[in-house]
Protein backbone atom coordinates (compact mmCIF):
# COMPACT_ATOMS: atom_id res chain seq x y z
CA MET A 1 64.75 -11.29 57.53
CA ALA A 2 63.40 -11.82 60.95
CA TRP A 3 61.84 -9.08 63.05
CA VAL A 4 63.37 -9.01 66.47
CA TYR A 5 62.31 -7.17 69.58
CA ILE A 6 64.74 -6.43 72.34
CA SER A 7 64.07 -5.02 75.81
CA LEU A 8 66.81 -2.76 77.05
CA GLY A 9 67.11 -1.66 80.79
CA SER A 10 69.72 -0.07 82.83
CA ASN A 11 69.85 1.24 86.41
CA ILE A 12 73.52 2.00 86.69
CA ASP A 13 74.71 5.17 85.01
CA ARG A 14 71.47 4.59 83.19
CA GLU A 15 71.54 7.43 80.69
CA ALA A 16 75.00 6.72 79.40
CA ASN A 17 74.45 2.91 79.51
CA THR A 18 71.15 3.16 77.57
CA ARG A 19 72.73 5.35 74.89
CA ALA A 20 75.75 2.90 74.72
CA GLY A 21 73.42 -0.04 74.31
CA ILE A 22 71.68 1.70 71.46
CA ARG A 23 74.89 2.53 69.77
CA ALA A 24 76.04 -1.02 70.02
CA LEU A 25 72.88 -2.43 68.62
CA ARG A 26 73.11 0.14 65.80
CA GLN A 27 76.69 -0.83 64.92
CA HIS A 28 75.83 -4.45 64.76
CA PHE A 29 72.33 -4.54 63.28
CA GLY A 30 71.86 -1.13 61.51
CA ASP A 31 68.52 0.52 61.47
CA LEU A 32 66.58 0.33 64.77
CA ILE A 33 63.03 1.29 65.73
CA LEU A 34 63.11 2.73 69.27
CA SER A 35 60.33 3.08 71.76
CA SER A 36 60.16 5.90 74.22
CA VAL A 37 62.29 5.44 77.36
CA TYR A 38 60.39 4.70 80.48
CA GLU A 39 61.36 5.07 84.18
CA SER A 40 60.42 2.18 86.45
CA GLU A 41 61.13 1.14 89.99
CA ALA A 42 63.32 -1.90 90.60
CA VAL A 43 61.33 -5.19 90.65
CA GLY A 44 62.38 -7.96 92.86
CA PHE A 45 65.04 -6.02 94.80
CA ALA A 46 65.67 -2.78 96.46
CA GLY A 47 67.67 -0.63 94.00
CA SER A 48 67.68 2.59 91.79
CA SER A 49 65.02 3.05 89.27
CA PHE A 50 65.56 1.63 85.78
CA TYR A 51 65.40 3.16 82.33
CA ASN A 52 63.61 0.77 80.01
CA MET A 53 62.72 0.67 76.32
CA VAL A 54 61.99 -1.73 73.57
CA ILE A 55 63.99 -1.88 70.34
CA ALA A 56 62.79 -3.53 67.14
CA LEU A 57 65.17 -4.39 64.23
CA GLN A 58 65.47 -6.87 61.34
CA THR A 59 68.28 -9.42 60.97
CA ASP A 60 69.25 -12.40 58.90
CA GLU A 61 71.09 -13.83 61.99
CA SER A 62 69.62 -16.86 63.80
CA VAL A 63 67.92 -16.62 67.15
CA SER A 64 70.91 -18.19 68.94
CA GLN A 65 73.34 -15.70 67.21
CA VAL A 66 71.10 -12.70 68.16
CA SER A 67 71.15 -13.99 71.77
CA ASP A 68 74.94 -14.39 71.78
CA ILE A 69 75.33 -10.90 70.37
CA LEU A 70 73.01 -9.26 73.10
CA ARG A 71 75.10 -11.10 75.80
CA GLN A 72 78.49 -9.86 74.26
CA ILE A 73 77.09 -6.34 74.28
CA GLU A 74 76.03 -6.70 77.82
CA ASP A 75 79.44 -7.91 78.78
CA GLN A 76 81.30 -5.19 76.77
CA HIS A 77 79.28 -2.63 78.96
CA GLY A 78 80.27 -3.93 82.20
CA ARG A 79 77.40 -6.41 83.03
CA ASP A 80 78.23 -8.30 86.16
CA ARG A 81 76.79 -11.82 86.21
CA SER A 82 78.10 -12.88 89.49
CA GLY A 83 75.33 -11.23 91.64
CA PRO A 84 71.78 -12.43 92.31
CA ARG A 85 69.42 -12.69 89.39
CA PHE A 86 67.48 -9.53 90.57
CA SER A 87 70.10 -6.90 90.88
CA SER A 88 71.25 -3.62 89.45
CA ARG A 89 72.48 -3.48 85.81
CA THR A 90 74.72 -1.62 83.64
CA LEU A 91 72.93 -2.92 80.70
CA ASP A 92 70.25 -5.67 80.37
CA LEU A 93 69.31 -6.75 76.85
CA ASP A 94 66.55 -9.43 76.69
CA LEU A 95 65.50 -11.02 73.48
CA LEU A 96 61.58 -10.72 73.65
CA LEU A 97 60.43 -11.81 70.26
CA TYR A 98 62.06 -13.30 67.13
CA ASP A 99 59.26 -13.27 64.53
CA ASP A 100 56.57 -15.59 65.75
CA LEU A 101 58.90 -18.19 67.09
CA VAL A 102 57.83 -19.91 70.40
CA MET A 103 60.64 -21.78 72.17
CA ASP A 104 61.85 -22.44 75.73
CA GLU A 105 65.15 -24.31 75.54
CA ALA A 106 68.89 -23.75 76.19
CA GLY A 107 68.17 -20.75 78.58
CA LEU A 108 66.19 -19.04 75.91
CA GLN A 109 62.59 -18.29 76.13
CA ILE A 110 60.62 -16.67 73.28
CA PRO A 111 58.27 -14.99 73.71
CA ARG A 112 59.61 -13.83 77.14
CA ASP A 113 57.14 -14.19 80.03
CA GLU A 114 57.99 -10.68 81.05
CA ILE A 115 56.01 -9.40 78.08
CA LEU A 116 52.76 -10.27 79.75
CA GLN A 117 54.03 -9.59 83.29
CA ARG A 118 55.76 -6.22 83.32
CA ALA A 119 54.53 -2.85 82.31
CA PHE A 120 58.15 -1.84 81.61
CA VAL A 121 58.20 -4.43 78.78
CA LEU A 122 54.61 -4.36 77.58
CA TRP A 123 54.08 -0.62 77.25
CA PRO A 124 57.19 0.06 75.09
CA LEU A 125 56.42 -3.07 73.01
CA ALA A 126 52.86 -1.94 72.42
CA GLU A 127 54.39 1.46 71.43
CA VAL A 128 56.71 0.04 68.71
CA ALA A 129 54.49 -3.02 67.55
CA PRO A 130 50.83 -2.15 68.48
CA ASP A 131 49.14 -4.38 65.89
CA LEU A 132 51.64 -7.38 66.12
CA LYS A 133 50.00 -10.33 67.88
CA HIS A 134 51.54 -12.25 70.70
CA PRO A 135 52.34 -15.70 69.19
CA GLN A 136 50.70 -17.46 72.22
CA ALA A 137 48.14 -15.11 73.63
CA GLY A 138 46.83 -14.33 70.16
CA LYS A 139 46.02 -10.57 70.97
CA THR A 140 47.70 -7.54 69.71
CA TYR A 141 50.31 -5.85 72.02
CA ALA A 142 48.02 -2.69 71.96
CA ALA A 143 45.03 -4.89 73.28
CA LEU A 144 47.29 -6.49 75.82
CA TRP A 145 48.62 -3.15 77.18
CA PHE A 146 44.89 -1.81 77.21
CA GLU A 147 43.92 -4.90 79.35
CA PHE A 148 47.05 -4.80 81.61
CA ASP A 149 46.56 -3.88 85.27
CA LYS A 150 48.39 -0.67 85.27
CA SER A 151 48.26 -0.26 88.98
CA ARG A 152 50.79 -2.98 89.69
CA GLU A 153 53.77 -0.96 88.66
CA LYS A 154 54.77 2.64 88.58
CA LEU A 155 55.97 3.45 85.11
CA GLN A 156 56.40 6.86 83.35
CA PRO A 157 57.79 7.99 80.14
CA VAL A 158 60.91 10.30 80.35
CA VAL A 159 62.24 12.87 78.03
CA PHE A 160 65.41 11.20 76.65
CA ASP A 161 67.74 12.34 73.92
CA VAL A 162 69.13 9.11 72.54
CA ASP A 163 72.13 10.80 71.22
CA GLY A 164 72.85 12.79 74.26
CA ASP A 165 72.88 16.18 72.67
């Protein structure tokens, strides 16, 4: 079984789409480990603020199968791929890590560069996997978050009921 870490983001009907993304991942993969939900400003374009989180899970599926499943879930939840790369999203599911695999091929980069570049990825990843080491940087996610320049992005945890009750 591989440990997989996924970044989930939404800035269109973000509460409903975040919950829907979690439900879809649970339906396919079963048990999930969820970080807190964080609110961040849009990066690379003018748009509404995002909800972001990181989800950990275990699976027997291959890295390409997991990537395909994430894309299908995005599509099922109204993901529009016709716009610019940096734009609003109903649901954005990015495969961050697949065990300690390092690859950059066929449009799939693992570990994702955003782990080291974006607070909205690193902080929730450090929350769910503080002692796990980045396969290239060789430091734990807790250490990477401690060293991260937190002045670059505004990010704050939000009270979020995953089930919407």
